[in-house]
Amino acid sequence: MPNNRNPLAQLICYFWYNPLMLAFVMSASLLAGAYGFQYIGGLAPCDLCWTQRYAHMVILGLSGAGLLLKKYDRPLQNLYAWAVIIALDVSIAVSGYHAGIEQKWWAGPTTCTAGGINASADMESLFDSMMESNLVLCDEIPWEMFGISMAGYNFLISFIVAQFVTFAVIFSLRKKHVRTS
């Protein structure tokens, strides 16, 4: 019987049984996009952007290690899967915090927001400090699409993938528990 399923449904099923691959592909894609915007688009990252990238680098490393262990050590792969879920949660927290700062919902760190500039400083020292540093402000949105910034898209994508990966791992563990009982 030929397989007449929708390609999107096939992809979802594949990732359901390989959630670490989804986390790996998602983080690699988001990092590629971030570096593309930086080196091709000329948009320098702020401090919080770098923190988001570090979270995705950790997700890449953990999911890659878990994928390499897939055939050899199932319990250790499950440990890596839960570590990936925690790293995804960190990505959600940092990107949500950053998106909130960009939308002016709350104040950001004084080291990378416009509020951190001392208005009482004399103009010469302010100019000198600006010339010495290459400050990118965290509360400014350098790019947006449909009213959502890059940090907002990172939040949304990381949230959806974290939910998917969490449910897939729980399903996998429940399925094994039912089989062994």
C-alpha atoms as a PDB file:
ATOM      1  CA  MET A   1       0.000   0.000   0.000  1.00  0.00           C
ATOM      2  CA  PRO A   2       1.584   3.325  -1.065  1.00  0.00           C
ATOM      3  CA  ASN A   3       2.135   6.000   1.544  1.00  0.00           C
ATOM      4  CA  ASN A   4      -0.327   8.799   0.659  1.00  0.00           C
ATOM      5  CA  ARG A   5       0.166  10.902   3.768  1.00  0.00           C
ATOM      6  CA  ASN A   6       0.715  14.604   3.622  1.00  0.00           C
ATOM      7  CA  PRO A   7       4.456  15.502   3.659  1.00  0.00           C
ATOM      8  CA  LEU A   8       3.872  17.897   6.569  1.00  0.00           C
ATOM      9  CA  ALA A   9       2.225  15.101   8.557  1.00  0.00           C
ATOM     10  CA  GLN A  10       5.196  12.856   7.773  1.00  0.00           C
ATOM     11  CA  LEU A  11       7.585  15.530   9.017  1.00  0.00           C
ATOM     12  CA  ILE A  12       5.603  16.008  12.225  1.00  0.00           C
ATOM     13  CA  CYS A  13       5.572  12.237  12.809  1.00  0.00           C
ATOM     14  CA  TYR A  14       9.312  12.048  12.174  1.00  0.00           C
ATOM     15  CA  PHE A  15      10.012  14.770  14.726  1.00  0.00           C
ATOM     16  CA  TRP A  16       7.536  13.188  17.183  1.00  0.00           C
ATOM     17  CA  TYR A  17       9.746  10.101  17.287  1.00  0.00           C
ATOM     18  CA  ASN A  18      12.985  12.141  16.999  1.00  0.00           C
ATOM     19  CA  PRO A  19      12.451  15.230  19.195  1.00  0.00           C
ATOM     20  CA  LEU A  20      16.175  15.845  19.617  1.00  0.00           C
ATOM     21  CA  MET A  21      16.466  16.203  15.844  1.00  0.00           C
ATOM     22  CA  LEU A  22      13.749  18.878  15.922  1.00  0.00           C
ATOM     23  CA  ALA A  23      15.592  20.781  18.662  1.00  0.00           C
ATOM     24  CA  PHE A  24      18.850  20.467  16.709  1.00  0.00           C
ATOM     25  CA  VAL A  25      17.332  21.683  13.422  1.00  0.00           C
ATOM     26  CA  MET A  26      15.441  24.523  15.122  1.00  0.00           C
ATOM     27  CA  SER A  27      18.487  25.835  16.991  1.00  0.00           C
ATOM     28  CA  ALA A  28      20.724  25.503  13.932  1.00  0.00           C
ATOM     29  CA  SER A  29      18.151  27.406  11.851  1.00  0.00           C
ATOM     30  CA  LEU A  30      17.717  30.186  14.424  1.00  0.00           C
ATOM     31  CA  LEU A  31      21.479  30.557  14.830  1.00  0.00           C
ATOM     32  CA  ALA A  32      21.972  30.604  11.050  1.00  0.00           C
ATOM     33  CA  GLY A  33      19.327  33.308  10.779  1.00  0.00           C
ATOM     34  CA  ALA A  34      20.880  35.348  13.591  1.00  0.00           C
ATOM     35  CA  TYR A  35      24.348  35.156  12.060  1.00  0.00           C
ATOM     36  CA  GLY A  36      22.876  35.913   8.625  1.00  0.00           C
ATOM     37  CA  PHE A  37      21.234  39.061   9.974  1.00  0.00           C
ATOM     38  CA  GLN A  38      24.536  39.993  11.614  1.00  0.00           C
ATOM     39  CA  TYR A  39      27.019  39.328   8.804  1.00  0.00           C
ATOM     40  CA  ILE A  40      24.839  39.756   5.707  1.00  0.00           C
ATOM     41  CA  GLY A  41      22.244  42.223   6.987  1.00  0.00           C
ATOM     42  CA  GLY A  42      24.632  44.278   9.105  1.00  0.00           C
ATOM     43  CA  LEU A  43      22.535  44.073  12.314  1.00  0.00           C
ATOM     44  CA  ALA A  44      24.915  43.860  15.269  1.00  0.00           C
ATOM     45  CA  PRO A  45      23.601  41.835  18.241  1.00  0.00           C
ATOM     46  CA  CYS A  46      23.067  43.314  21.687  1.00  0.00           C
ATOM     47  CA  ASP A  47      24.079  41.626  24.954  1.00  0.00           C
ATOM     48  CA  LEU A  48      20.736  39.839  25.333  1.00  0.00           C
ATOM     49  CA  CYS A  49      20.916  38.643  21.714  1.00  0.00           C
ATOM     50  CA  TRP A  50      24.210  36.981  22.560  1.00  0.00           C
ATOM     51  CA  THR A  51      22.639  35.310  25.600  1.00  0.00           C
ATOM     52  CA  GLN A  52      19.905  33.915  23.362  1.00  0.00           C
ATOM     53  CA  ARG A  53      22.547  32.600  20.972  1.00  0.00           C
ATOM     54  CA  TYR A  54      24.408  30.909  23.817  1.00  0.00           C
ATOM     55  CA  ALA A  55      21.216  29.085  24.803  1.00  0.00           C
ATOM     56  CA  HIS A  56      20.856  27.793  21.240  1.00  0.00           C
ATOM     57  CA  MET A  57      24.501  26.759  21.142  1.00  0.00           C
ATOM     58  CA  VAL A  58      23.873  24.682  24.266  1.00  0.00           C
ATOM     59  CA  ILE A  59      20.755  23.189  22.657  1.00  0.00           C
ATOM     60  CA  LEU A  60      22.823  22.274  19.580  1.00  0.00           C
ATOM     61  CA  GLY A  61      25.488  20.584  21.691  1.00  0.00           C
ATOM     62  CA  LEU A  62      23.081  18.671  23.932  1.00  0.00           C
ATOM     63  CA  SER A  63      20.747  17.560  21.159  1.00  0.00           C
ATOM     64  CA  GLY A  64      23.693  16.585  18.959  1.00  0.00           C
ATOM     65  CA  ALA A  65      25.197  14.489  21.765  1.00  0.00           C
ATOM     66  CA  GLY A  66      21.814  12.896  22.431  1.00  0.00           C
ATOM     67  CA  LEU A  67      21.425  12.045  18.750  1.00  0.00           C
ATOM     68  CA  LEU A  68      24.853  10.417  18.689  1.00  0.00           C
ATOM     69  CA  LEU A  69      23.893   8.268  21.692  1.00  0.00           C
ATOM     70  CA  LYS A  70      20.529   7.235  20.233  1.00  0.00           C
ATOM     71  CA  LYS A  71      21.501   3.661  19.401  1.00  0.00           C
ATOM     72  CA  TYR A  72      23.893   3.076  22.269  1.00  0.00           C
ATOM     73  CA  ASP A  73      22.580   4.407  25.554  1.00  0.00           C
ATOM     74  CA  ARG A  74      18.834   5.034  25.767  1.00  0.00           C
ATOM     75  CA  PRO A  75      18.746   6.227  29.423  1.00  0.00           C
ATOM     76  CA  LEU A  76      21.536   8.725  28.749  1.00  0.00           C
ATOM     77  CA  GLN A  77      19.712   9.917  25.629  1.00  0.00           C
ATOM     78  CA  ASN A  78      16.627  10.573  27.774  1.00  0.00           C
ATOM     79  CA  LEU A  79      18.804  12.597  30.149  1.00  0.00           C
ATOM     80  CA  TYR A  80      20.062  14.648  27.204  1.00  0.00           C
ATOM     81  CA  ALA A  81      16.454  15.136  26.048  1.00  0.00           C
ATOM     82  CA  TRP A  82      15.473  16.590  29.425  1.00  0.00           C
ATOM     83  CA  ALA A  83      18.595  18.777  29.414  1.00  0.00           C
ATOM     84  CA  VAL A  84      17.556  20.058  25.959  1.00  0.00           C
ATOM     85  CA  ILE A  85      14.094  20.865  27.328  1.00  0.00           C
ATOM     86  CA  ILE A  86      15.676  22.872  30.162  1.00  0.00           C
ATOM     87  CA  ALA A  87      17.911  24.708  27.671  1.00  0.00           C
ATOM     88  CA  LEU A  88      14.829  25.444  25.531  1.00  0.00           C
ATOM     89  CA  ASP A  89      13.152  26.859  28.636  1.00  0.00           C
ATOM     90  CA  VAL A  90      16.173  29.114  29.201  1.00  0.00           C
ATOM     91  CA  SER A  91      15.887  30.284  25.594  1.00  0.00           C
ATOM     92  CA  ILE A  92      12.183  31.016  26.149  1.00  0.00           C
ATOM     93  CA  ALA A  93      12.930  32.981  29.323  1.00  0.00           C
ATOM     94  CA  VAL A  94      15.731  35.076  27.830  1.00  0.00           C
ATOM     95  CA  SER A  95      13.949  35.792  24.545  1.00  0.00           C
ATOM     96  CA  GLY A  96      10.704  36.625  26.354  1.00  0.00           C
ATOM     97  CA  TYR A  97      12.595  38.962  28.684  1.00  0.00           C
ATOM     98  CA  HIS A  98      14.314  40.585  25.695  1.00  0.00           C
ATOM     99  CA  ALA A  99      11.069  40.952  23.729  1.00  0.00           C
ATOM    100  CA  GLY A 100       9.448  42.565  26.774  1.00  0.00           C
ATOM    101  CA  ILE A 101      12.314  45.050  27.039  1.00  0.00           C
ATOM    102  CA  GLU A 102      11.967  45.880  23.342  1.00  0.00           C
ATOM    103  CA  GLN A 103       8.222  46.443  23.758  1.00  0.00           C
ATOM    104  CA  LYS A 104       8.875  48.615  26.869  1.00  0.00           C
ATOM    105  CA  TRP A 105       6.824  46.263  29.065  1.00  0.00           C
ATOM    106  CA  TRP A 106       9.608  46.321  31.679  1.00  0.00           C
ATOM    107  CA  ALA A 107      13.002  47.903  32.161  1.00  0.00           C
ATOM    108  CA  GLY A 108      16.081  46.135  30.940  1.00  0.00           C
ATOM    109  CA  PRO A 109      19.600  46.079  32.300  1.00  0.00           C
ATOM    110  CA  THR A 110      21.171  49.513  32.448  1.00  0.00           C
ATOM    111  CA  THR A 111      24.208  48.244  30.550  1.00  0.00           C
ATOM    112  CA  CYS A 112      22.311  47.910  27.273  1.00  0.00           C
ATOM    113  CA  THR A 113      19.273  50.197  27.386  1.00  0.00           C
ATOM    114  CA  ALA A 114      18.833  53.881  26.645  1.00  0.00           C
ATOM    115  CA  GLY A 115      17.957  54.407  30.310  1.00  0.00           C
ATOM    116  CA  GLY A 116      21.521  53.508  31.252  1.00  0.00           C
ATOM    117  CA  ILE A 117      22.983  56.701  29.790  1.00  0.00           C
ATOM    118  CA  ASN A 118      23.829  59.267  32.449  1.00  0.00           C
ATOM    119  CA  ALA A 119      22.155  62.544  31.426  1.00  0.00           C
ATOM    120  CA  SER A 120      24.156  64.558  33.961  1.00  0.00           C
ATOM    121  CA  ALA A 121      27.485  63.639  32.399  1.00  0.00           C
ATOM    122  CA  ASP A 122      29.182  66.371  30.411  1.00  0.00           C
ATOM    123  CA  MET A 123      28.950  66.045  26.640  1.00  0.00           C
ATOM    124  CA  GLU A 124      32.662  65.529  26.106  1.00  0.00           C
ATOM    125  CA  SER A 125      32.922  62.519  28.424  1.00  0.00           C
ATOM    126  CA  LEU A 126      29.695  61.116  26.958  1.00  0.00           C
ATOM    127  CA  PHE A 127      31.102  61.479  23.439  1.00  0.00           C
ATOM    128  CA  ASP A 128      34.400  59.891  24.470  1.00  0.00           C
ATOM    129  CA  SER A 129      32.661  56.905  26.048  1.00  0.00           C
ATOM    130  CA  MET A 130      30.479  56.464  22.958  1.00  0.00           C
ATOM    131  CA  MET A 131      33.505  56.488  20.687  1.00  0.00           C
ATOM    132  CA  GLU A 132      35.275  53.881  22.818  1.00  0.00           C
ATOM    133  CA  SER A 133      32.414  51.408  22.860  1.00  0.00           C
ATOM    134  CA  ASN A 134      30.275  49.799  20.194  1.00  0.00           C
ATOM    135  CA  LEU A 135      27.041  49.721  22.203  1.00  0.00           C
ATOM    136  CA  VAL A 136      23.955  48.096  20.723  1.00  0.00           C
ATOM    137  CA  LEU A 137      20.889  48.898  22.785  1.00  0.00           C
ATOM    138  CA  CYS A 138      18.668  46.022  23.945  1.00  0.00           C
ATOM    139  CA  ASP A 139      15.520  48.145  24.054  1.00  0.00           C
ATOM    140  CA  GLU A 140      15.615  49.096  20.369  1.00  0.00           C
ATOM    141  CA  ILE A 141      14.090  46.845  17.711  1.00  0.00           C
ATOM    142  CA  PRO A 142      16.483  46.697  14.741  1.00  0.00           C
ATOM    143  CA  TRP A 143      14.182  44.454  12.638  1.00  0.00           C
ATOM    144  CA  GLU A 144      10.589  43.322  12.864  1.00  0.00           C
ATOM    145  CA  MET A 145       8.010  41.557  10.733  1.00  0.00           C
ATOM    146  CA  PHE A 146       4.269  41.779  11.433  1.00  0.00           C
ATOM    147  CA  GLY A 147       5.096  43.785  14.568  1.00  0.00           C
ATOM    148  CA  ILE A 148       7.219  40.975  16.063  1.00  0.00           C
ATOM    149  CA  SER A 149      10.961  41.387  16.624  1.00  0.00           C
ATOM    150  CA  MET A 150      13.654  38.739  16.251  1.00  0.00           C
ATOM    151  CA  ALA A 151      13.548  38.170  20.023  1.00  0.00           C
ATOM    152  CA  GLY A 152       9.771  37.747  19.765  1.00  0.00           C
ATOM    153  CA  TYR A 153      10.116  35.157  16.993  1.00  0.00           C
ATOM    154  CA  ASN A 154      12.793  33.374  19.009  1.00  0.00           C
ATOM    155  CA  PHE A 155      10.367  33.276  21.946  1.00  0.00           C
ATOM    156  CA  LEU A 156       7.482  31.931  19.852  1.00  0.00           C
ATOM    157  CA  ILE A 157       9.529  29.324  17.990  1.00  0.00           C
ATOM    158  CA  SER A 158      11.376  28.163  21.111  1.00  0.00           C
ATOM    159  CA  PHE A 159       8.081  27.938  23.032  1.00  0.00           C
ATOM    160  CA  ILE A 160       6.383  25.814  20.366  1.00  0.00           C
ATOM    161  CA  VAL A 161       9.399  23.540  19.946  1.00  0.00           C
ATOM    162  CA  ALA A 162       9.831  23.175  23.727  1.00  0.00           C
ATOM    163  CA  GLN A 163       6.190  22.102  24.085  1.00  0.00           C
ATOM    164  CA  PHE A 164       6.501  19.655  21.198  1.00  0.00           C
ATOM    165  CA  VAL A 165       9.761  18.164  22.470  1.00  0.00           C
ATOM    166  CA  THR A 166       8.418  17.907  26.037  1.00  0.00           C
ATOM    167  CA  PHE A 167       5.255  16.085  24.963  1.00  0.00           C
ATOM    168  CA  ALA A 168       7.210  13.820  22.591  1.00  0.00           C
ATOM    169  CA  VAL A 169       9.659  12.833  25.354  1.00  0.00           C
ATOM    170  CA  ILE A 170       6.830  12.228  27.843  1.00  0.00           C
ATOM    171  CA  PHE A 171       4.984  10.165  25.235  1.00  0.00           C
ATOM    172  CA  SER A 172       8.143   8.157  24.566  1.00  0.00           C
ATOM    173  CA  LEU A 173       8.662   7.465  28.276  1.00  0.00           C
ATOM    174  CA  ARG A 174       4.996   6.548  28.829  1.00  0.00           C
ATOM    175  CA  LYS A 175       5.067   4.242  25.815  1.00  0.00           C
ATOM    176  CA  LYS A 176       8.117   2.439  27.224  1.00  0.00           C
ATOM    177  CA  HIS A 177       6.539   2.263  30.692  1.00  0.00           C
ATOM    178  CA  VAL A 178       3.341   0.711  29.307  1.00  0.00           C
ATOM    179  CA  ARG A 179       5.390  -1.818  27.280  1.00  0.00           C
ATOM    180  CA  THR A 180       7.429  -2.916  30.303  1.00  0.00           C
ATOM    181  CA  SER A 181       4.446  -3.148  32.693  1.00  0.00           C
END
